[in-house]
Amino acid sequence: QVRLVESGGGLVQAGGSLRLSCAASGSIFSIMSMGWYRQAPGKQREVVATMPSGGRTNYADSVKGRFTISRDNAKNTVYLQMNSLKPEDTAVYYCNLIIGVGNFYWGQGTQVTVSS
């Protein structure tokens, strides 16, 4: 059993910052990747940033230079620092964890709302 608990969402004005956290617990072994996705109303879920174990960090073009993903492996926690937020960043943000081969886990989602 794997559990992902997200925190840090909220309401912020355009240009502001938020930091999301996602702590993983349970039967965690051989983490392949941790990352963040988001889903805006009426749109499909899209990747925001991913951090493969031992691999290169990847960012969506829309967040490059503004968002930073990081991991604390000792705490099995992944973070997303979001700066210079825009109204179009408004979405539910989901933490993603890939363990072993093909084992995907998702957090419950945290709402981020950016007002103009």
Protein backbone atom coordinates (compact mmCIF):
# COMPACT_ATOMS: atom_id res chain seq x y z
CA GLN A 1 0.00 0.00 0.00
CA VAL A 2 1.37 3.37 -1.06
CA ARG A 3 -0.02 6.67 0.13
CA LEU A 4 0.73 10.15 -1.23
CA VAL A 5 -0.25 13.19 0.82
CA GLU A 6 -0.08 16.59 -0.84
CA SER A 7 -0.11 20.01 0.76
CA GLY A 8 0.61 23.62 -0.04
CA GLY A 9 -2.10 24.61 -2.50
CA GLY A 10 -4.20 27.73 -2.12
CA LEU A 11 -5.20 31.07 -3.54
CA VAL A 12 -2.55 33.53 -4.65
CA GLN A 13 -2.42 36.66 -6.77
CA ALA A 14 -0.72 36.66 -10.14
CA GLY A 15 3.02 37.04 -9.71
CA GLY A 16 2.97 35.30 -6.37
CA SER A 17 4.51 32.04 -5.23
CA LEU A 18 3.41 28.75 -3.72
CA ARG A 19 5.27 25.62 -2.67
CA LEU A 20 3.63 22.23 -2.99
CA SER A 21 4.77 19.19 -1.04
CA CYS A 22 4.01 15.52 -1.51
CA ALA A 23 5.04 12.93 1.04
CA ALA A 24 5.01 9.26 0.10
CA SER A 25 4.59 6.48 2.64
CA GLY A 26 3.95 2.75 2.69
CA SER A 27 5.55 -0.01 0.65
CA ILE A 28 7.99 2.17 -1.22
CA PHE A 29 10.89 0.57 -3.01
CA SER A 30 12.74 1.24 -6.22
CA ILE A 31 11.27 4.68 -6.93
CA MET A 32 11.64 5.29 -10.63
CA SER A 33 10.27 8.81 -10.72
CA MET A 34 8.37 11.45 -8.77
CA GLY A 35 6.60 14.34 -10.35
CA TRP A 36 3.73 16.75 -10.61
CA TYR A 37 0.79 16.93 -13.01
CA ARG A 38 -2.13 19.33 -13.18
CA GLN A 39 -5.65 19.40 -14.51
CA ALA A 40 -7.56 22.58 -15.24
CA PRO A 41 -11.38 22.58 -15.59
CA GLY A 42 -12.43 21.12 -18.91
CA LYS A 43 -8.90 20.07 -19.81
CA GLN A 44 -6.89 16.88 -19.73
CA ARG A 45 -4.33 16.20 -17.04
CA GLU A 46 -0.92 17.38 -18.17
CA VAL A 47 2.60 16.94 -16.93
CA VAL A 48 4.15 19.86 -15.06
CA ALA A 49 7.51 18.48 -13.97
CA THR A 50 9.08 15.08 -13.42
CA MET A 51 12.22 13.97 -11.64
CA PRO A 52 13.34 10.47 -12.58
CA SER A 53 15.69 8.75 -10.17
CA GLY A 54 19.16 9.24 -11.58
CA GLY A 55 17.76 11.01 -14.62
CA ARG A 56 17.24 14.49 -15.92
CA THR A 57 14.49 16.70 -14.59
CA ASN A 58 11.80 17.57 -17.13
CA TYR A 59 9.51 20.58 -17.23
CA ALA A 60 6.54 21.55 -19.34
CA ASP A 61 7.45 24.46 -21.60
CA SER A 62 4.76 26.57 -19.95
CA VAL A 63 6.47 26.44 -16.54
CA LYS A 64 10.16 26.46 -17.44
CA GLY A 65 12.03 29.18 -15.60
CA ARG A 66 9.18 29.65 -13.10
CA PHE A 67 8.71 26.27 -11.42
CA THR A 68 11.34 24.10 -9.72
CA ILE A 69 10.90 20.48 -8.73
CA SER A 70 13.03 18.93 -5.99
CA ARG A 71 13.16 15.74 -3.95
CA ASP A 72 14.18 14.76 -0.45
CA ASN A 73 14.94 11.07 -0.87
CA ALA A 74 15.40 10.52 2.85
CA LYS A 75 11.83 11.70 3.43
CA ASN A 76 10.37 10.28 0.20
CA THR A 77 9.04 13.76 -0.46
CA VAL A 78 8.83 15.78 -3.66
CA TYR A 79 8.34 19.53 -3.81
CA LEU A 80 7.21 21.99 -6.45
CA GLN A 81 8.27 25.59 -5.98
CA MET A 82 6.05 27.77 -8.14
CA ASN A 83 7.08 31.37 -8.74
CA SER A 84 5.68 34.11 -10.96
CA LEU A 85 2.34 32.37 -11.00
CA LYS A 86 -0.13 33.19 -13.74
CA PRO A 87 -3.92 32.78 -13.89
CA GLU A 88 -3.42 30.02 -16.45
CA ASP A 89 -1.60 28.01 -13.78
CA THR A 90 -4.92 27.57 -11.99
CA ALA A 91 -5.61 23.84 -11.72
CA VAL A 92 -5.72 20.87 -9.41
CA TYR A 93 -2.15 19.68 -8.97
CA TYR A 94 -1.47 15.97 -8.52
CA CYS A 95 1.63 14.29 -7.20
CA ASN A 96 2.78 11.21 -9.13
CA LEU A 97 5.01 8.36 -8.03
CA ILE A 98 6.30 5.53 -10.19
CA ILE A 99 7.62 2.46 -8.40
CA GLY A 100 9.31 -0.41 -10.15
CA VAL A 101 7.93 -1.14 -13.61
CA GLY A 102 4.53 0.31 -14.42
CA ASN A 103 3.30 0.97 -10.88
CA PHE A 104 1.76 4.45 -10.91
CA TYR A 105 0.42 6.17 -7.82
CA TRP A 106 -1.40 9.49 -7.50
CA GLY A 107 -2.07 11.91 -4.70
CA GLN A 108 -5.54 13.25 -3.93
CA GLY A 109 -4.83 16.57 -5.61
CA THR A 110 -4.43 20.08 -4.26
CA GLN A 111 -6.15 23.14 -5.69
CA VAL A 112 -4.04 26.06 -6.89
CA THR A 113 -5.94 29.20 -7.83
CA VAL A 114 -4.19 32.24 -9.25
CA SER A 115 -6.21 35.45 -9.38
CA SER A 116 -5.51 38.20 -11.89
